[in-house]
Amino acid sequence: MAERELLAAWRRQRRSLLLYADLDYLTRDNDSFGHDGGDRMLVDAAQVLKGVFRSGDVAARLGGDELAITTAANSCCSA
């Protein structure tokens, strides 16, 4: 999905952002509290991302405790 979003931004000649996030201690807490506890932490993280990013942005779990987010840069994000 991220590749598709980045290609679409390139075709539209728009800037886009690719963000990487690592959820500290998720693996440790998953081992301590079980998979249900780890799943609840992932749901909580998803809710935070949903509140921060726009509906058209894409957030995906890469695996384990790693997430990637693609978003189109707007005028406030000039380089």
C-alpha atoms as a PDB file:
ATOM      1  CA  MET A   1       0.000   0.000   0.000  1.00  0.00           C
ATOM      2  CA  ALA A   2       2.792   2.434   0.848  1.00  0.00           C
ATOM      3  CA  GLU A   3       4.405   1.926  -2.548  1.00  0.00           C
ATOM      4  CA  ARG A   4       1.074   2.663  -4.255  1.00  0.00           C
ATOM      5  CA  GLU A   5       0.614   5.857  -2.228  1.00  0.00           C
ATOM      6  CA  LEU A   6       4.158   7.035  -2.941  1.00  0.00           C
ATOM      7  CA  LEU A   7       3.743   6.361  -6.672  1.00  0.00           C
ATOM      8  CA  ALA A   8       0.433   8.253  -6.692  1.00  0.00           C
ATOM      9  CA  ALA A   9       2.136  11.239  -5.028  1.00  0.00           C
ATOM     10  CA  TRP A  10       4.922  11.080  -7.621  1.00  0.00           C
ATOM     11  CA  ARG A  11       2.379  11.037 -10.482  1.00  0.00           C
ATOM     12  CA  ARG A  12       0.574  14.046  -8.996  1.00  0.00           C
ATOM     13  CA  GLN A  13       3.944  15.751  -8.438  1.00  0.00           C
ATOM     14  CA  ARG A  14       3.134  16.147  -4.755  1.00  0.00           C
ATOM     15  CA  ARG A  15       5.330  15.572  -1.781  1.00  0.00           C
ATOM     16  CA  SER A  16       4.558  12.714   0.531  1.00  0.00           C
ATOM     17  CA  LEU A  17       5.915  11.497   3.814  1.00  0.00           C
ATOM     18  CA  LEU A  18       6.840   7.991   4.857  1.00  0.00           C
ATOM     19  CA  LEU A  19       7.087   7.691   8.631  1.00  0.00           C
ATOM     20  CA  TYR A  20       8.434   4.757  10.596  1.00  0.00           C
ATOM     21  CA  ALA A  21       7.451   4.072  14.200  1.00  0.00           C
ATOM     22  CA  ASP A  22       8.733   1.493  16.637  1.00  0.00           C
ATOM     23  CA  LEU A  23       6.532   0.817  19.661  1.00  0.00           C
ATOM     24  CA  ASP A  24       9.024   0.570  22.516  1.00  0.00           C
ATOM     25  CA  TYR A  25       8.547  -2.323  24.920  1.00  0.00           C
ATOM     26  CA  LEU A  26       5.686  -3.920  22.981  1.00  0.00           C
ATOM     27  CA  THR A  27       7.510  -7.242  22.683  1.00  0.00           C
ATOM     28  CA  ARG A  28       8.453  -7.215  26.372  1.00  0.00           C
ATOM     29  CA  ASP A  29       4.922  -6.310  27.470  1.00  0.00           C
ATOM     30  CA  ASN A  30       3.438  -8.874  25.080  1.00  0.00           C
ATOM     31  CA  ASP A  31       5.596 -11.518  26.758  1.00  0.00           C
ATOM     32  CA  SER A  32       4.605 -10.258  30.230  1.00  0.00           C
ATOM     33  CA  PHE A  33       0.870  -9.719  29.707  1.00  0.00           C
ATOM     34  CA  GLY A  34       0.156 -12.229  26.944  1.00  0.00           C
ATOM     35  CA  HIS A  35      -1.061 -11.758  23.401  1.00  0.00           C
ATOM     36  CA  ASP A  36      -4.353 -10.216  24.533  1.00  0.00           C
ATOM     37  CA  GLY A  37      -2.435  -7.473  26.352  1.00  0.00           C
ATOM     38  CA  GLY A  38      -0.197  -6.891  23.329  1.00  0.00           C
ATOM     39  CA  ASP A  39      -3.229  -6.746  21.055  1.00  0.00           C
ATOM     40  CA  ARG A  40      -4.844  -4.135  23.309  1.00  0.00           C
ATOM     41  CA  MET A  41      -1.657  -2.055  23.112  1.00  0.00           C
ATOM     42  CA  LEU A  42      -1.741  -2.239  19.300  1.00  0.00           C
ATOM     43  CA  VAL A  43      -5.394  -1.171  19.267  1.00  0.00           C
ATOM     44  CA  ASP A  44      -4.541   1.756  21.558  1.00  0.00           C
ATOM     45  CA  ALA A  45      -1.668   2.766  19.264  1.00  0.00           C
ATOM     46  CA  ALA A  46      -3.989   2.571  16.241  1.00  0.00           C
ATOM     47  CA  GLN A  47      -6.498   4.851  17.980  1.00  0.00           C
ATOM     48  CA  VAL A  48      -3.760   7.409  18.662  1.00  0.00           C
ATOM     49  CA  LEU A  49      -2.673   7.309  15.008  1.00  0.00           C
ATOM     50  CA  LYS A  50      -6.288   7.617  13.865  1.00  0.00           C
ATOM     51  CA  GLY A  51      -6.640  10.769  15.947  1.00  0.00           C
ATOM     52  CA  VAL A  52      -3.416  12.303  14.646  1.00  0.00           C
ATOM     53  CA  PHE A  53      -3.493  11.499  10.941  1.00  0.00           C
ATOM     54  CA  ARG A  54      -6.087  12.212   8.261  1.00  0.00           C
ATOM     55  CA  SER A  55      -8.578   9.659   6.971  1.00  0.00           C
ATOM     56  CA  GLY A  56      -6.753   9.361   3.628  1.00  0.00           C
ATOM     57  CA  ASP A  57      -3.401   8.575   5.244  1.00  0.00           C
ATOM     58  CA  VAL A  58      -2.254   4.970   5.409  1.00  0.00           C
ATOM     59  CA  ALA A  59      -0.906   3.326   8.560  1.00  0.00           C
ATOM     60  CA  ALA A  60       0.215  -0.288   8.491  1.00  0.00           C
ATOM     61  CA  ARG A  61       1.870  -2.712  10.850  1.00  0.00           C
ATOM     62  CA  LEU A  62       5.104  -3.963   9.359  1.00  0.00           C
ATOM     63  CA  GLY A  63       5.460  -6.674  11.932  1.00  0.00           C
ATOM     64  CA  GLY A  64       6.042  -7.049  15.641  1.00  0.00           C
ATOM     65  CA  ASP A  65       6.268  -3.541  17.064  1.00  0.00           C
ATOM     66  CA  GLU A  66       6.984  -1.666  13.824  1.00  0.00           C
ATOM     67  CA  LEU A  67       4.531   0.618  12.010  1.00  0.00           C
ATOM     68  CA  ALA A  68       4.736   2.688   8.834  1.00  0.00           C
ATOM     69  CA  ILE A  69       2.576   5.654   7.889  1.00  0.00           C
ATOM     70  CA  THR A  70       2.296   7.339   4.496  1.00  0.00           C
ATOM     71  CA  THR A  71       0.743  10.761   4.195  1.00  0.00           C
ATOM     72  CA  ALA A  72       0.560  13.439   1.538  1.00  0.00           C
ATOM     73  CA  ALA A  73       2.444  16.545   2.595  1.00  0.00           C
ATOM     74  CA  ASN A  74       0.383  19.708   2.611  1.00  0.00           C
ATOM     75  CA  SER A  75       1.489  23.324   2.303  1.00  0.00           C
ATOM     76  CA  CYS A  76       2.669  23.461   5.910  1.00  0.00           C
ATOM     77  CA  CYS A  77       5.253  20.765   5.214  1.00  0.00           C
ATOM     78  CA  SER A  78       7.520  22.536   2.744  1.00  0.00           C
ATOM     79  CA  ALA A  79      11.157  21.527   2.678  1.00  0.00           C
END
